[in-house]
Amino acid sequence: NETDEEYDALLRFATHLALYLDSLSEGSTSASLFGLMEQKNQLLLQYVRYLSSRQDLWFMVVVYSSLLPTHIIRAELPNLLTHIESQEEREIIVQKLGEFLTIEDGLDLDILLSVISIIFDESEDERLEPDEEEMEDYHDVPEPTLLDERKMRAVLWLCVNKRHMPEALIVANTLLRQFLVDGNKVSSA
């Protein structure tokens, strides 16, 4: 749609203009741009959301997110990353997290753990109780649901960087326990 393309271009321009003006305000005391920081953050967050909606621009989400205050990064970025399913894209995102989120030690791991937590907390609409045929032989375990598989793949976020692998073991153990506690009901949702 032509209107959408115009809006996207305007958003991109306004975001970069706000970033430029913000850089001017930091460099000199004479350029006092009152209130720019909040508008810059709002534009930047909107632009990050736009980037996350475009699969061809995923790799830029972390780069632009790193320009936001830490509290906004913690609140918004995990939700945007939950939709990434490709291992190749995960690897790029984890690399970018390590490169650009050096605001505080461990922020990249906190973001990844939040992504996994969001995925683990998802529920599915399908019926989760086993039917009578499945119950005839208590050794039969139903096939994992799509959500179960998604939860298992979520652990892969922590298998990209060696620094995160001890946490991957803990998260995988937690998920396995969740599946075991649920017995025949494979999904924990």
C-alpha atoms as a PDB file:
ATOM      1  CA  ASN A   1       0.000   0.000   0.000  1.00  0.00           C
ATOM      2  CA  GLU A   2       1.351   3.403  -0.999  1.00  0.00           C
ATOM      3  CA  THR A   3       0.134   5.081   2.196  1.00  0.00           C
ATOM      4  CA  ASP A   4       1.933   2.496   4.336  1.00  0.00           C
ATOM      5  CA  GLU A   5       5.141   3.009   2.394  1.00  0.00           C
ATOM      6  CA  GLU A   6       4.880   6.778   2.865  1.00  0.00           C
ATOM      7  CA  TYR A   7       4.285   6.330   6.594  1.00  0.00           C
ATOM      8  CA  ASP A   8       7.269   3.949   6.856  1.00  0.00           C
ATOM      9  CA  ALA A   9       9.512   6.435   5.062  1.00  0.00           C
ATOM     10  CA  LEU A  10       8.275   9.302   7.252  1.00  0.00           C
ATOM     11  CA  LEU A  11       8.834   7.241  10.405  1.00  0.00           C
ATOM     12  CA  ARG A  12      12.365   6.350   9.290  1.00  0.00           C
ATOM     13  CA  PHE A  13      13.127  10.012   8.493  1.00  0.00           C
ATOM     14  CA  ALA A  14      11.641  11.344  11.754  1.00  0.00           C
ATOM     15  CA  THR A  15      13.529   8.750  13.808  1.00  0.00           C
ATOM     16  CA  HIS A  16      16.855   9.591  12.225  1.00  0.00           C
ATOM     17  CA  LEU A  17      16.173  13.338  12.514  1.00  0.00           C
ATOM     18  CA  ALA A  18      15.418  12.935  16.219  1.00  0.00           C
ATOM     19  CA  LEU A  19      18.608  10.904  16.682  1.00  0.00           C
ATOM     20  CA  TYR A  20      20.616  13.590  14.890  1.00  0.00           C
ATOM     21  CA  LEU A  21      19.079  16.420  16.934  1.00  0.00           C
ATOM     22  CA  ASP A  22      19.687  14.439  20.108  1.00  0.00           C
ATOM     23  CA  SER A  23      23.358  14.084  19.169  1.00  0.00           C
ATOM     24  CA  LEU A  24      23.573  17.869  18.706  1.00  0.00           C
ATOM     25  CA  SER A  25      22.064  18.513  22.128  1.00  0.00           C
ATOM     26  CA  GLU A  26      24.700  16.289  23.755  1.00  0.00           C
ATOM     27  CA  GLY A  27      27.613  18.029  22.035  1.00  0.00           C
ATOM     28  CA  SER A  28      26.902  21.623  22.944  1.00  0.00           C
ATOM     29  CA  THR A  29      25.173  23.527  25.689  1.00  0.00           C
ATOM     30  CA  SER A  30      23.833  26.162  23.301  1.00  0.00           C
ATOM     31  CA  ALA A  31      21.589  23.712  21.496  1.00  0.00           C
ATOM     32  CA  SER A  32      19.049  23.114  24.223  1.00  0.00           C
ATOM     33  CA  LEU A  33      16.256  21.053  22.754  1.00  0.00           C
ATOM     34  CA  PHE A  34      13.788  20.785  25.599  1.00  0.00           C
ATOM     35  CA  GLY A  35      11.649  17.640  25.555  1.00  0.00           C
ATOM     36  CA  LEU A  36      13.460  16.038  22.645  1.00  0.00           C
ATOM     37  CA  MET A  37      14.566  12.999  24.632  1.00  0.00           C
ATOM     38  CA  GLU A  38      11.035  11.714  25.279  1.00  0.00           C
ATOM     39  CA  GLN A  39       9.912  12.261  21.662  1.00  0.00           C
ATOM     40  CA  LYS A  40      13.132  10.641  20.419  1.00  0.00           C
ATOM     41  CA  ASN A  41      12.493   7.597  22.597  1.00  0.00           C
ATOM     42  CA  GLN A  42       8.874   7.328  21.437  1.00  0.00           C
ATOM     43  CA  LEU A  43       9.871   7.611  17.771  1.00  0.00           C
ATOM     44  CA  LEU A  44      12.729   5.195  18.239  1.00  0.00           C
ATOM     45  CA  LEU A  45      10.499   2.631  19.955  1.00  0.00           C
ATOM     46  CA  GLN A  46       7.940   2.934  17.182  1.00  0.00           C
ATOM     47  CA  TYR A  47      10.716   2.467  14.617  1.00  0.00           C
ATOM     48  CA  VAL A  48      12.054  -0.602  16.459  1.00  0.00           C
ATOM     49  CA  ARG A  49       8.556  -2.088  16.395  1.00  0.00           C
ATOM     50  CA  TYR A  50       8.402  -1.374  12.664  1.00  0.00           C
ATOM     51  CA  LEU A  51      11.766  -3.091  12.134  1.00  0.00           C
ATOM     52  CA  SER A  52      10.554  -6.132  14.051  1.00  0.00           C
ATOM     53  CA  SER A  53       7.543  -6.406  11.759  1.00  0.00           C
ATOM     54  CA  ARG A  54       9.823  -6.783   8.737  1.00  0.00           C
ATOM     55  CA  GLN A  55      11.702 -10.072   8.554  1.00  0.00           C
ATOM     56  CA  ASP A  56      14.310  -8.558   6.243  1.00  0.00           C
ATOM     57  CA  LEU A  57      15.121  -5.930   8.907  1.00  0.00           C
ATOM     58  CA  TRP A  58      15.239  -8.141  12.025  1.00  0.00           C
ATOM     59  CA  PHE A  59      18.984  -7.775  12.303  1.00  0.00           C
ATOM     60  CA  MET A  60      18.574  -4.031  12.951  1.00  0.00           C
ATOM     61  CA  VAL A  61      16.150  -4.379  15.892  1.00  0.00           C
ATOM     62  CA  VAL A  62      18.896  -4.700  18.511  1.00  0.00           C
ATOM     63  CA  VAL A  63      21.018  -1.946  16.945  1.00  0.00           C
ATOM     64  CA  TYR A  64      18.225   0.627  17.255  1.00  0.00           C
ATOM     65  CA  SER A  65      16.979  -0.766  20.579  1.00  0.00           C
ATOM     66  CA  SER A  66      20.419  -0.117  22.053  1.00  0.00           C
ATOM     67  CA  LEU A  67      19.761   3.611  21.636  1.00  0.00           C
ATOM     68  CA  LEU A  68      16.805   3.413  24.031  1.00  0.00           C
ATOM     69  CA  PRO A  69      17.020   3.705  27.829  1.00  0.00           C
ATOM     70  CA  THR A  70      17.629   0.392  29.610  1.00  0.00           C
ATOM     71  CA  HIS A  71      14.173   0.270  31.225  1.00  0.00           C
ATOM     72  CA  ILE A  72      12.506   0.514  27.809  1.00  0.00           C
ATOM     73  CA  ILE A  73      14.833  -2.126  26.356  1.00  0.00           C
ATOM     74  CA  ARG A  74      13.967  -4.521  29.187  1.00  0.00           C
ATOM     75  CA  ALA A  75      10.238  -3.893  28.781  1.00  0.00           C
ATOM     76  CA  GLU A  76       9.935  -3.962  24.992  1.00  0.00           C
ATOM     77  CA  LEU A  77      12.721  -5.944  23.331  1.00  0.00           C
ATOM     78  CA  PRO A  78      11.882  -9.433  24.693  1.00  0.00           C
ATOM     79  CA  ASN A  79       8.334  -9.227  23.312  1.00  0.00           C
ATOM     80  CA  LEU A  80       9.660  -8.319  19.884  1.00  0.00           C
ATOM     81  CA  LEU A  81      12.126 -11.204  19.832  1.00  0.00           C
ATOM     82  CA  THR A  82       9.658 -13.971  20.715  1.00  0.00           C
ATOM     83  CA  HIS A  83       8.567 -14.254  17.096  1.00  0.00           C
ATOM     84  CA  ILE A  84      11.996 -15.279  15.831  1.00  0.00           C
ATOM     85  CA  GLU A  85      12.046 -19.003  15.038  1.00  0.00           C
ATOM     86  CA  SER A  86      15.020 -19.376  12.700  1.00  0.00           C
ATOM     87  CA  GLN A  87      18.266 -20.485  14.349  1.00  0.00           C
ATOM     88  CA  GLU A  88      20.222 -18.319  11.901  1.00  0.00           C
ATOM     89  CA  GLU A  89      18.242 -15.242  12.953  1.00  0.00           C
ATOM     90  CA  ARG A  90      18.678 -16.176  16.630  1.00  0.00           C
ATOM     91  CA  GLU A  91      22.441 -16.308  16.140  1.00  0.00           C
ATOM     92  CA  ILE A  92      22.474 -12.861  14.536  1.00  0.00           C
ATOM     93  CA  ILE A  93      20.308 -11.386  17.298  1.00  0.00           C
ATOM     94  CA  VAL A  94      22.432 -12.922  20.090  1.00  0.00           C
ATOM     95  CA  GLN A  95      25.581 -11.579  18.424  1.00  0.00           C
ATOM     96  CA  LYS A  96      24.025  -8.104  18.154  1.00  0.00           C
ATOM     97  CA  LEU A  97      22.890  -8.267  21.791  1.00  0.00           C
ATOM     98  CA  GLY A  98      26.488  -8.923  22.833  1.00  0.00           C
ATOM     99  CA  GLU A  99      27.798  -6.116  20.630  1.00  0.00           C
ATOM    100  CA  PHE A 100      25.291  -3.367  21.346  1.00  0.00           C
ATOM    101  CA  LEU A 101      23.821  -3.962  24.789  1.00  0.00           C
ATOM    102  CA  THR A 102      26.860  -3.292  26.918  1.00  0.00           C
ATOM    103  CA  ILE A 103      24.890  -0.795  28.972  1.00  0.00           C
ATOM    104  CA  GLU A 104      25.177  -3.075  31.967  1.00  0.00           C
ATOM    105  CA  ASP A 105      26.732  -6.458  32.536  1.00  0.00           C
ATOM    106  CA  GLY A 106      24.412  -9.350  31.805  1.00  0.00           C
ATOM    107  CA  LEU A 107      21.716  -7.328  30.030  1.00  0.00           C
ATOM    108  CA  ASP A 108      21.917  -9.593  26.980  1.00  0.00           C
ATOM    109  CA  LEU A 109      21.306 -12.681  29.128  1.00  0.00           C
ATOM    110  CA  ASP A 110      18.442 -10.953  30.967  1.00  0.00           C
ATOM    111  CA  ILE A 111      16.799 -10.149  27.620  1.00  0.00           C
ATOM    112  CA  LEU A 112      17.158 -13.748  26.417  1.00  0.00           C
ATOM    113  CA  LEU A 113      15.770 -15.160  29.661  1.00  0.00           C
ATOM    114  CA  SER A 114      12.802 -12.800  29.332  1.00  0.00           C
ATOM    115  CA  VAL A 115      12.192 -13.997  25.763  1.00  0.00           C
ATOM    116  CA  ILE A 116      12.203 -17.610  26.952  1.00  0.00           C
ATOM    117  CA  SER A 117       9.956 -16.803  29.894  1.00  0.00           C
ATOM    118  CA  ILE A 118       7.401 -15.178  27.587  1.00  0.00           C
ATOM    119  CA  ILE A 119       7.422 -18.245  25.326  1.00  0.00           C
ATOM    120  CA  PHE A 120       7.116 -20.625  28.302  1.00  0.00           C
ATOM    121  CA  ASP A 121       4.136 -18.643  29.583  1.00  0.00           C
ATOM    122  CA  GLU A 122       2.241 -18.892  26.286  1.00  0.00           C
ATOM    123  CA  SER A 123      -0.821 -21.103  26.239  1.00  0.00           C
ATOM    124  CA  GLU A 124      -2.535 -22.882  23.436  1.00  0.00           C
ATOM    125  CA  ASP A 125      -6.210 -23.128  22.630  1.00  0.00           C
ATOM    126  CA  GLU A 126      -6.219 -26.815  21.788  1.00  0.00           C
ATOM    127  CA  ARG A 127      -7.482 -29.447  24.215  1.00  0.00           C
ATOM    128  CA  LEU A 128      -4.598 -30.643  26.350  1.00  0.00           C
ATOM    129  CA  GLU A 129      -6.112 -33.605  28.186  1.00  0.00           C
ATOM    130  CA  PRO A 130      -5.346 -37.033  26.682  1.00  0.00           C
ATOM    131  CA  ASP A 131      -8.309 -38.901  25.232  1.00  0.00           C
ATOM    132  CA  GLU A 132      -9.390 -42.373  26.421  1.00  0.00           C
ATOM    133  CA  GLU A 133      -7.324 -44.234  23.806  1.00  0.00           C
ATOM    134  CA  GLU A 134      -4.197 -42.478  25.028  1.00  0.00           C
ATOM    135  CA  MET A 135      -5.027 -43.436  28.600  1.00  0.00           C
ATOM    136  CA  GLU A 136      -5.423 -47.170  27.853  1.00  0.00           C
ATOM    137  CA  ASP A 137      -1.691 -47.731  28.076  1.00  0.00           C
ATOM    138  CA  TYR A 138      -0.215 -45.376  30.659  1.00  0.00           C
ATOM    139  CA  HIS A 139       3.179 -45.752  29.000  1.00  0.00           C
ATOM    140  CA  ASP A 140       1.926 -44.000  25.875  1.00  0.00           C
ATOM    141  CA  VAL A 141       2.924 -40.395  25.820  1.00  0.00           C
ATOM    142  CA  PRO A 142       1.067 -38.095  23.449  1.00  0.00           C
ATOM    143  CA  GLU A 143       3.002 -36.333  20.716  1.00  0.00           C
ATOM    144  CA  PRO A 144       4.323 -32.916  21.667  1.00  0.00           C
ATOM    145  CA  THR A 145       2.088 -30.052  20.637  1.00  0.00           C
ATOM    146  CA  LEU A 146       3.286 -27.149  18.518  1.00  0.00           C
ATOM    147  CA  LEU A 147       3.612 -25.097  21.684  1.00  0.00           C
ATOM    148  CA  ASP A 148       5.706 -27.824  23.331  1.00  0.00           C
ATOM    149  CA  GLU A 149       8.030 -27.792  20.337  1.00  0.00           C
ATOM    150  CA  ARG A 150       8.196 -23.985  20.440  1.00  0.00           C
ATOM    151  CA  LYS A 151       9.125 -24.129  24.116  1.00  0.00           C
ATOM    152  CA  MET A 152      11.862 -26.661  23.411  1.00  0.00           C
ATOM    153  CA  ARG A 153      13.240 -24.507  20.582  1.00  0.00           C
ATOM    154  CA  ALA A 154      13.198 -21.458  22.887  1.00  0.00           C
ATOM    155  CA  VAL A 155      16.084 -22.989  24.827  1.00  0.00           C
ATOM    156  CA  LEU A 156      18.183 -22.600  21.660  1.00  0.00           C
ATOM    157  CA  TRP A 157      18.384 -18.853  22.357  1.00  0.00           C
ATOM    158  CA  LEU A 158      20.873 -19.749  25.087  1.00  0.00           C
ATOM    159  CA  CYS A 159      22.928 -22.163  22.970  1.00  0.00           C
ATOM    160  CA  VAL A 160      24.499 -19.539  20.694  1.00  0.00           C
ATOM    161  CA  ASN A 161      26.929 -17.853  23.083  1.00  0.00           C
ATOM    162  CA  LYS A 162      29.099 -20.076  25.302  1.00  0.00           C
ATOM    163  CA  ARG A 163      28.631 -17.605  28.134  1.00  0.00           C
ATOM    164  CA  HIS A 164      24.877 -18.403  28.151  1.00  0.00           C
ATOM    165  CA  MET A 165      25.164 -22.207  28.019  1.00  0.00           C
ATOM    166  CA  PRO A 166      25.089 -22.845  31.795  1.00  0.00           C
ATOM    167  CA  GLU A 167      21.775 -20.982  31.860  1.00  0.00           C
ATOM    168  CA  ALA A 168      20.580 -23.098  28.899  1.00  0.00           C
ATOM    169  CA  LEU A 169      21.090 -26.216  31.009  1.00  0.00           C
ATOM    170  CA  ILE A 170      19.042 -24.750  33.856  1.00  0.00           C
ATOM    171  CA  VAL A 171      16.235 -23.650  31.533  1.00  0.00           C
ATOM    172  CA  ALA A 172      16.159 -27.014  29.726  1.00  0.00           C
ATOM    173  CA  ASN A 173      16.022 -28.799  33.089  1.00  0.00           C
ATOM    174  CA  THR A 174      13.154 -26.553  34.186  1.00  0.00           C
ATOM    175  CA  LEU A 175      11.225 -27.297  31.007  1.00  0.00           C
ATOM    176  CA  LEU A 176      11.801 -31.033  31.333  1.00  0.00           C
ATOM    177  CA  ARG A 177      10.564 -30.944  34.923  1.00  0.00           C
ATOM    178  CA  GLN A 178       7.520 -29.009  33.775  1.00  0.00           C
ATOM    179  CA  PHE A 179       6.768 -31.690  31.182  1.00  0.00           C
ATOM    180  CA  LEU A 180       7.310 -34.497  33.725  1.00  0.00           C
ATOM    181  CA  VAL A 181       5.078 -32.894  36.338  1.00  0.00           C
ATOM    182  CA  ASP A 182       2.319 -32.630  33.770  1.00  0.00           C
ATOM    183  CA  GLY A 183       2.492 -36.375  33.161  1.00  0.00           C
ATOM    184  CA  ASN A 184       0.569 -37.477  30.094  1.00  0.00           C
ATOM    185  CA  LYS A 185      -0.310 -33.893  29.306  1.00  0.00           C
ATOM    186  CA  VAL A 186       2.803 -32.993  27.347  1.00  0.00           C
ATOM    187  CA  SER A 187       2.192 -29.287  27.159  1.00  0.00           C
ATOM    188  CA  SER A 188       2.487 -27.374  30.379  1.00  0.00           C
ATOM    189  CA  ALA A 189       0.199 -24.598  29.218  1.00  0.00           C
END
